[in-house]
Amino acid sequence: MEFGYSVAMPSAEAVTISLTPELRRYIDEQVASGRYQTTSEVVRAGLRLLTRKDPPRHLQPKGVFRASAARKR
């Protein structure tokens, strides 16, 4: 399966994160495979998948958060 992303980034901000050795190896393998060119590309791809599953609240339609919060009570 091929993932192609062409997203214009208005600006980038450097962030420092801590990873387990296993996650670091996974990222290195993704870059070594040629699928991604940089560590940042791998992390951004992962974050895009996460935001599809759990969109940031400011991107959710109004009422969705309230309804899901009410179910958790």
PDB file of N, CA and C in Angstrom:
ATOM      1  N   MET A   1       0.842  -1.165   0.000  1.00  0.00           N
ATOM      2  CA  MET A   1       0.000   0.000   0.000  1.00  0.00           C
ATOM      3  C   MET A   1       0.888   1.229   0.000  1.00  0.00           C
ATOM      4  N   GLU A   2       0.540   2.210  -0.775  1.00  0.00           N
ATOM      5  CA  GLU A   2       1.356   3.419  -0.874  1.00  0.00           C
ATOM      6  C   GLU A   2       0.612   4.601  -0.285  1.00  0.00           C
ATOM      7  N   PHE A   3       1.311   5.387   0.505  1.00  0.00           N
ATOM      8  CA  PHE A   3       0.741   6.590   1.073  1.00  0.00           C
ATOM      9  C   PHE A   3       1.436   7.771   0.431  1.00  0.00           C
ATOM     10  N   GLY A   4       0.694   8.625  -0.194  1.00  0.00           N
ATOM     11  CA  GLY A   4       1.278   9.820  -0.774  1.00  0.00           C
ATOM     12  C   GLY A   4       0.652  11.038  -0.130  1.00  0.00           C
ATOM     13  N   TYR A   5       1.483  11.919   0.361  1.00  0.00           N
ATOM     14  CA  TYR A   5       0.982  13.126   0.982  1.00  0.00           C
ATOM     15  C   TYR A   5       1.636  14.326   0.327  1.00  0.00           C
ATOM     16  N   SER A   6       0.851  15.283   0.007  1.00  0.00           N
ATOM     17  CA  SER A   6       1.357  16.539  -0.501  1.00  0.00           C
ATOM     18  C   SER A   6       0.632  17.632   0.260  1.00  0.00           C
ATOM     19  N   VAL A   7       1.216  18.004   1.365  1.00  0.00           N
ATOM     20  CA  VAL A   7       0.585  18.984   2.230  1.00  0.00           C
ATOM     21  C   VAL A   7       1.512  20.178   2.352  1.00  0.00           C
ATOM     22  N   ALA A   8       0.994  21.349   2.019  1.00  0.00           N
ATOM     23  CA  ALA A   8       1.786  22.561   2.182  1.00  0.00           C
ATOM     24  C   ALA A   8       1.790  22.932   3.657  1.00  0.00           C
ATOM     25  N   MET A   9       2.957  23.078   4.201  1.00  0.00           N
ATOM     26  CA  MET A   9       3.067  23.435   5.603  1.00  0.00           C
ATOM     27  C   MET A   9       3.346  24.928   5.694  1.00  0.00           C
ATOM     28  N   PRO A  10       2.435  25.687   6.281  1.00  0.00           N
ATOM     29  CA  PRO A  10       2.637  27.121   6.375  1.00  0.00           C
ATOM     30  C   PRO A  10       3.895  27.476   7.161  1.00  0.00           C
ATOM     31  N   SER A  11       4.158  26.776   8.217  1.00  0.00           N
ATOM     32  CA  SER A  11       5.384  26.970   8.978  1.00  0.00           C
ATOM     33  C   SER A  11       5.622  25.709   9.793  1.00  0.00           C
ATOM     34  N   ALA A  12       6.846  25.522  10.192  1.00  0.00           N
ATOM     35  CA  ALA A  12       7.177  24.342  10.989  1.00  0.00           C
ATOM     36  C   ALA A  12       7.792  24.803  12.295  1.00  0.00           C
ATOM     37  N   GLU A  13       7.479  24.070  13.338  1.00  0.00           N
ATOM     38  CA  GLU A  13       8.025  24.371  14.651  1.00  0.00           C
ATOM     39  C   GLU A  13       8.748  23.135  15.153  1.00  0.00           C
ATOM     40  N   ALA A  14       9.952  23.314  15.611  1.00  0.00           N
ATOM     41  CA  ALA A  14      10.724  22.193  16.135  1.00  0.00           C
ATOM     42  C   ALA A  14      10.169  21.772  17.487  1.00  0.00           C
ATOM     43  N   VAL A  15      10.059  20.451  17.678  1.00  0.00           N
ATOM     44  CA  VAL A  15       9.560  19.877  18.918  1.00  0.00           C
ATOM     45  C   VAL A  15      10.485  18.733  19.300  1.00  0.00           C
ATOM     46  N   THR A  16      10.802  18.631  20.557  1.00  0.00           N
ATOM     47  CA  THR A  16      11.625  17.538  21.045  1.00  0.00           C
ATOM     48  C   THR A  16      10.713  16.502  21.672  1.00  0.00           C
ATOM     49  N   ILE A  17      10.885  15.237  21.272  1.00  0.00           N
ATOM     50  CA  ILE A  17      10.079  14.155  21.828  1.00  0.00           C
ATOM     51  C   ILE A  17      10.999  13.021  22.285  1.00  0.00           C
ATOM     52  N   SER A  18      10.494  12.220  23.194  1.00  0.00           N
ATOM     53  CA  SER A  18      11.219  11.038  23.655  1.00  0.00           C
ATOM     54  C   SER A  18      10.537   9.807  23.077  1.00  0.00           C
ATOM     55  N   LEU A  19      11.341   8.889  22.567  1.00  0.00           N
ATOM     56  CA  LEU A  19      10.819   7.670  21.953  1.00  0.00           C
ATOM     57  C   LEU A  19      11.469   6.452  22.584  1.00  0.00           C
ATOM     58  N   THR A  20      10.731   5.365  22.587  1.00  0.00           N
ATOM     59  CA  THR A  20      11.336   4.097  22.992  1.00  0.00           C
ATOM     60  C   THR A  20      12.302   3.679  21.886  1.00  0.00           C
ATOM     61  N   PRO A  21      13.271   2.840  22.219  1.00  0.00           N
ATOM     62  CA  PRO A  21      14.183   2.369  21.172  1.00  0.00           C
ATOM     63  C   PRO A  21      13.440   1.680  20.023  1.00  0.00           C
ATOM     64  N   GLU A  22      12.350   0.976  20.353  1.00  0.00           N
ATOM     65  CA  GLU A  22      11.584   0.282  19.310  1.00  0.00           C
ATOM     66  C   GLU A  22      10.951   1.269  18.331  1.00  0.00           C
ATOM     67  N   LEU A  23      10.376   2.350  18.860  1.00  0.00           N
ATOM     68  CA  LEU A  23       9.774   3.354  17.975  1.00  0.00           C
ATOM     69  C   LEU A  23      10.840   4.053  17.145  1.00  0.00           C
ATOM     70  N   ARG A  24      11.980   4.329  17.733  1.00  0.00           N
ATOM     71  CA  ARG A  24      13.069   4.970  16.985  1.00  0.00           C
ATOM     72  C   ARG A  24      13.528   4.061  15.841  1.00  0.00           C
ATOM     73  N   ARG A  25      13.655   2.755  16.122  1.00  0.00           N
ATOM     74  CA  ARG A  25      14.046   1.813  15.067  1.00  0.00           C
ATOM     75  C   ARG A  25      12.993   1.778  13.959  1.00  0.00           C
ATOM     76  N   TYR A  26      11.718   1.807  14.343  1.00  0.00           N
ATOM     77  CA  TYR A  26      10.639   1.800  13.350  1.00  0.00           C
ATOM     78  C   TYR A  26      10.751   3.011  12.436  1.00  0.00           C
ATOM     79  N   ILE A  27      10.958   4.177  13.022  1.00  0.00           N
ATOM     80  CA  ILE A  27      11.102   5.393  12.211  1.00  0.00           C
ATOM     81  C   ILE A  27      12.311   5.264  11.297  1.00  0.00           C
ATOM     82  N   ASP A  28      13.424   4.808  11.841  1.00  0.00           N
ATOM     83  CA  ASP A  28      14.630   4.640  11.025  1.00  0.00           C
ATOM     84  C   ASP A  28      14.394   3.671   9.870  1.00  0.00           C
ATOM     85  N   GLU A  29      13.650   2.599  10.127  1.00  0.00           N
ATOM     86  CA  GLU A  29      13.334   1.633   9.064  1.00  0.00           C
ATOM     87  C   GLU A  29      12.465   2.258   7.981  1.00  0.00           C
ATOM     88  N   GLN A  30      11.514   3.086   8.372  1.00  0.00           N
ATOM     89  CA  GLN A  30      10.649   3.747   7.398  1.00  0.00           C
ATOM     90  C   GLN A  30      11.456   4.683   6.497  1.00  0.00           C
ATOM     91  N   VAL A  31      12.391   5.403   7.093  1.00  0.00           N
ATOM     92  CA  VAL A  31      13.246   6.304   6.305  1.00  0.00           C
ATOM     93  C   VAL A  31      14.183   5.482   5.419  1.00  0.00           C
ATOM     94  N   ALA A  32      14.785   4.434   5.973  1.00  0.00           N
ATOM     95  CA  ALA A  32      15.721   3.596   5.210  1.00  0.00           C
ATOM     96  C   ALA A  32      15.030   2.920   4.027  1.00  0.00           C
ATOM     97  N   SER A  33      13.730   2.621   4.175  1.00  0.00           N
ATOM     98  CA  SER A  33      13.006   1.953   3.093  1.00  0.00           C
ATOM     99  C   SER A  33      12.764   2.884   1.906  1.00  0.00           C
ATOM    100  N   GLY A  34      12.930   4.174   2.139  1.00  0.00           N
ATOM    101  CA  GLY A  34      12.679   5.140   1.074  1.00  0.00           C
ATOM    102  C   GLY A  34      11.247   5.631   1.044  1.00  0.00           C
ATOM    103  N   ARG A  35      10.425   5.068   1.889  1.00  0.00           N
ATOM    104  CA  ARG A  35       9.020   5.471   1.922  1.00  0.00           C
ATOM    105  C   ARG A  35       8.879   6.916   2.399  1.00  0.00           C
ATOM    106  N   TYR A  36       9.742   7.313   3.324  1.00  0.00           N
ATOM    107  CA  TYR A  36       9.788   8.684   3.839  1.00  0.00           C
ATOM    108  C   TYR A  36      11.222   9.171   3.732  1.00  0.00           C
ATOM    109  N   GLN A  37      11.382  10.468   3.596  1.00  0.00           N
ATOM    110  CA  GLN A  37      12.732  11.012   3.475  1.00  0.00           C
ATOM    111  C   GLN A  37      13.327  11.438   4.808  1.00  0.00           C
ATOM    112  N   THR A  38      12.482  11.761   5.771  1.00  0.00           N
ATOM    113  CA  THR A  38      12.981  12.250   7.059  1.00  0.00           C
ATOM    114  C   THR A  38      12.160  11.682   8.214  1.00  0.00           C
ATOM    115  N   THR A  39      12.748  11.778   9.402  1.00  0.00           N
ATOM    116  CA  THR A  39      12.034  11.408  10.620  1.00  0.00           C
ATOM    117  C   THR A  39      10.771  12.245  10.757  1.00  0.00           C
ATOM    118  N   SER A  40      10.859  13.519  10.456  1.00  0.00           N
ATOM    119  CA  SER A  40       9.696  14.409  10.571  1.00  0.00           C
ATOM    120  C   SER A  40       8.547  13.943   9.692  1.00  0.00           C
ATOM    121  N   GLU A  41       8.848  13.466   8.486  1.00  0.00           N
ATOM    122  CA  GLU A  41       7.785  12.971   7.601  1.00  0.00           C
ATOM    123  C   GLU A  41       7.071  11.776   8.222  1.00  0.00           C
ATOM    124  N   VAL A  42       7.825  10.887   8.863  1.00  0.00           N
ATOM    125  CA  VAL A  42       7.223   9.707   9.490  1.00  0.00           C
ATOM    126  C   VAL A  42       6.310  10.143  10.641  1.00  0.00           C
ATOM    127  N   VAL A  43       6.785  11.046  11.462  1.00  0.00           N
ATOM    128  CA  VAL A  43       5.998  11.505  12.610  1.00  0.00           C
ATOM    129  C   VAL A  43       4.748  12.241  12.131  1.00  0.00           C
ATOM    130  N   ARG A  44       4.878  13.107  11.117  1.00  0.00           N
ATOM    131  CA  ARG A  44       3.709  13.818  10.599  1.00  0.00           C
ATOM    132  C   ARG A  44       2.682  12.848  10.026  1.00  0.00           C
ATOM    133  N   ALA A  45       3.139  11.810   9.333  1.00  0.00           N
ATOM    134  CA  ALA A  45       2.202  10.808   8.788  1.00  0.00           C
ATOM    135  C   ALA A  45       1.447  10.118   9.927  1.00  0.00           C
ATOM    136  N   GLY A  46       2.148   9.784  10.993  1.00  0.00           N
ATOM    137  CA  GLY A  46       1.500   9.158  12.141  1.00  0.00           C
ATOM    138  C   GLY A  46       0.485  10.081  12.794  1.00  0.00           C
ATOM    139  N   LEU A  47       0.825  11.347  12.903  1.00  0.00           N
ATOM    140  CA  LEU A  47      -0.103  12.311  13.499  1.00  0.00           C
ATOM    141  C   LEU A  47      -1.323  12.534  12.621  1.00  0.00           C
ATOM    142  N   ARG A  48      -1.134  12.503  11.301  1.00  0.00           N
ATOM    143  CA  ARG A  48      -2.299  12.631  10.407  1.00  0.00           C
ATOM    144  C   ARG A  48      -3.263  11.464  10.618  1.00  0.00           C
ATOM    145  N   LEU A  49      -2.733  10.261  10.760  1.00  0.00           N
ATOM    146  CA  LEU A  49      -3.599   9.098  11.014  1.00  0.00           C
ATOM    147  C   LEU A  49      -4.308   9.236  12.353  1.00  0.00           C
ATOM    148  N   LEU A  50      -3.605   9.690  13.363  1.00  0.00           N
ATOM    149  CA  LEU A  50      -4.207   9.866  14.683  1.00  0.00           C
ATOM    150  C   LEU A  50      -5.316  10.914  14.646  1.00  0.00           C
ATOM    151  N   THR A  51      -5.101  12.006  13.938  1.00  0.00           N
ATOM    152  CA  THR A  51      -6.135  13.050  13.897  1.00  0.00           C
ATOM    153  C   THR A  51      -7.347  12.627  13.078  1.00  0.00           C
ATOM    154  N   ARG A  52      -7.183  11.653  12.194  1.00  0.00           N
ATOM    155  CA  ARG A  52      -8.365  11.108  11.503  1.00  0.00           C
ATOM    156  C   ARG A  52      -9.210  10.300  12.473  1.00  0.00           C
ATOM    157  N   LYS A  53      -8.544   9.555  13.341  1.00  0.00           N
ATOM    158  CA  LYS A  53      -9.251   8.722  14.316  1.00  0.00           C
ATOM    159  C   LYS A  53      -9.843   9.573  15.433  1.00  0.00           C
ATOM    160  N   ASP A  54      -9.107  10.573  15.868  1.00  0.00           N
ATOM    161  CA  ASP A  54      -9.518  11.412  16.993  1.00  0.00           C
ATOM    162  C   ASP A  54      -9.233  12.865  16.632  1.00  0.00           C
ATOM    163  N   PRO A  55     -10.116  13.482  15.823  1.00  0.00           N
ATOM    164  CA  PRO A  55      -9.856  14.850  15.357  1.00  0.00           C
ATOM    165  C   PRO A  55      -9.757  15.841  16.504  1.00  0.00           C
ATOM    166  N   PRO A  56      -8.909  16.843  16.341  1.00  0.00           N
ATOM    167  CA  PRO A  56      -8.851  17.902  17.356  1.00  0.00           C
ATOM    168  C   PRO A  56     -10.237  18.520  17.537  1.00  0.00           C
ATOM    169  N   ARG A  57     -10.557  18.915  18.742  1.00  0.00           N
ATOM    170  CA  ARG A  57     -11.896  19.429  19.042  1.00  0.00           C
ATOM    171  C   ARG A  57     -12.269  20.615  18.175  1.00  0.00           C
ATOM    172  N   HIS A  58     -11.314  21.469  17.851  1.00  0.00           N
ATOM    173  CA  HIS A  58     -11.655  22.647  17.046  1.00  0.00           C
ATOM    174  C   HIS A  58     -12.023  22.278  15.608  1.00  0.00           C
ATOM    175  N   LEU A  59     -11.762  21.044  15.196  1.00  0.00           N
ATOM    176  CA  LEU A  59     -12.127  20.602  13.850  1.00  0.00           C
ATOM    177  C   LEU A  59     -13.410  19.776  13.835  1.00  0.00           C
ATOM    178  N   GLN A  60     -13.926  19.396  15.005  1.00  0.00           N
ATOM    179  CA  GLN A  60     -15.136  18.581  15.074  1.00  0.00           C
ATOM    180  C   GLN A  60     -16.365  19.467  14.892  1.00  0.00           C
ATOM    181  N   PRO A  61     -17.380  18.934  14.218  1.00  0.00           N
ATOM    182  CA  PRO A  61     -18.629  19.696  14.097  1.00  0.00           C
ATOM    183  C   PRO A  61     -19.199  19.998  15.476  1.00  0.00           C
ATOM    184  N   LYS A  62     -19.847  21.139  15.617  1.00  0.00           N
ATOM    185  CA  LYS A  62     -20.430  21.510  16.909  1.00  0.00           C
ATOM    186  C   LYS A  62     -21.440  20.453  17.350  1.00  0.00           C
ATOM    187  N   GLY A  63     -21.438  20.156  18.616  1.00  0.00           N
ATOM    188  CA  GLY A  63     -22.364  19.176  19.163  1.00  0.00           C
ATOM    189  C   GLY A  63     -21.761  17.787  19.278  1.00  0.00           C
ATOM    190  N   VAL A  64     -20.748  17.481  18.475  1.00  0.00           N
ATOM    191  CA  VAL A  64     -20.146  16.146  18.520  1.00  0.00           C
ATOM    192  C   VAL A  64     -19.450  15.942  19.847  1.00  0.00           C
ATOM    193  N   PHE A  65     -18.684  16.931  20.303  1.00  0.00           N
ATOM    194  CA  PHE A  65     -17.969  16.787  21.571  1.00  0.00           C
ATOM    195  C   PHE A  65     -18.950  16.672  22.730  1.00  0.00           C
ATOM    196  N   ARG A  66     -19.970  17.509  22.720  1.00  0.00           N
ATOM    197  CA  ARG A  66     -20.935  17.469  23.811  1.00  0.00           C
ATOM    198  C   ARG A  66     -21.626  16.102  23.867  1.00  0.00           C
ATOM    199  N   ALA A  67     -21.971  15.559  22.718  1.00  0.00           N
ATOM    200  CA  ALA A  67     -22.655  14.266  22.691  1.00  0.00           C
ATOM    201  C   ALA A  67     -21.731  13.164  23.195  1.00  0.00           C
ATOM    202  N   SER A  68     -20.467  13.187  22.770  1.00  0.00           N
ATOM    203  CA  SER A  68     -19.555  12.135  23.221  1.00  0.00           C
ATOM    204  C   SER A  68     -19.238  12.309  24.691  1.00  0.00           C
ATOM    205  N   ALA A  69     -19.161  13.532  25.183  1.00  0.00           N
ATOM    206  CA  ALA A  69     -18.892  13.769  26.601  1.00  0.00           C
ATOM    207  C   ALA A  69     -20.067  13.291  27.445  1.00  0.00           C
ATOM    208  N   ALA A  70     -21.286  13.487  26.948  1.00  0.00           N
ATOM    209  CA  ALA A  70     -22.474  13.063  27.694  1.00  0.00           C
ATOM    210  C   ALA A  70     -22.517  11.545  27.830  1.00  0.00           C
ATOM    211  N   ARG A  71     -22.050  10.809  26.825  1.00  0.00           N
ATOM    212  CA  ARG A  71     -22.042   9.343  26.886  1.00  0.00           C
ATOM    213  C   ARG A  71     -21.083   8.848  27.949  1.00  0.00           C
ATOM    214  N   LYS A  72     -20.005   9.582  28.206  1.00  0.00           N
ATOM    215  CA  LYS A  72     -18.998   9.130  29.153  1.00  0.00           C
ATOM    216  C   LYS A  72     -19.421   9.313  30.605  1.00  0.00           C
ATOM    217  N   ARG A  73     -20.463  10.084  30.852  1.00  0.00           N
ATOM    218  CA  ARG A  73     -20.898  10.354  32.231  1.00  0.00           C
ATOM    219  C   ARG A  73     -21.626   9.207  32.840  1.00  0.00           C
TER     220      ARG A  73
END
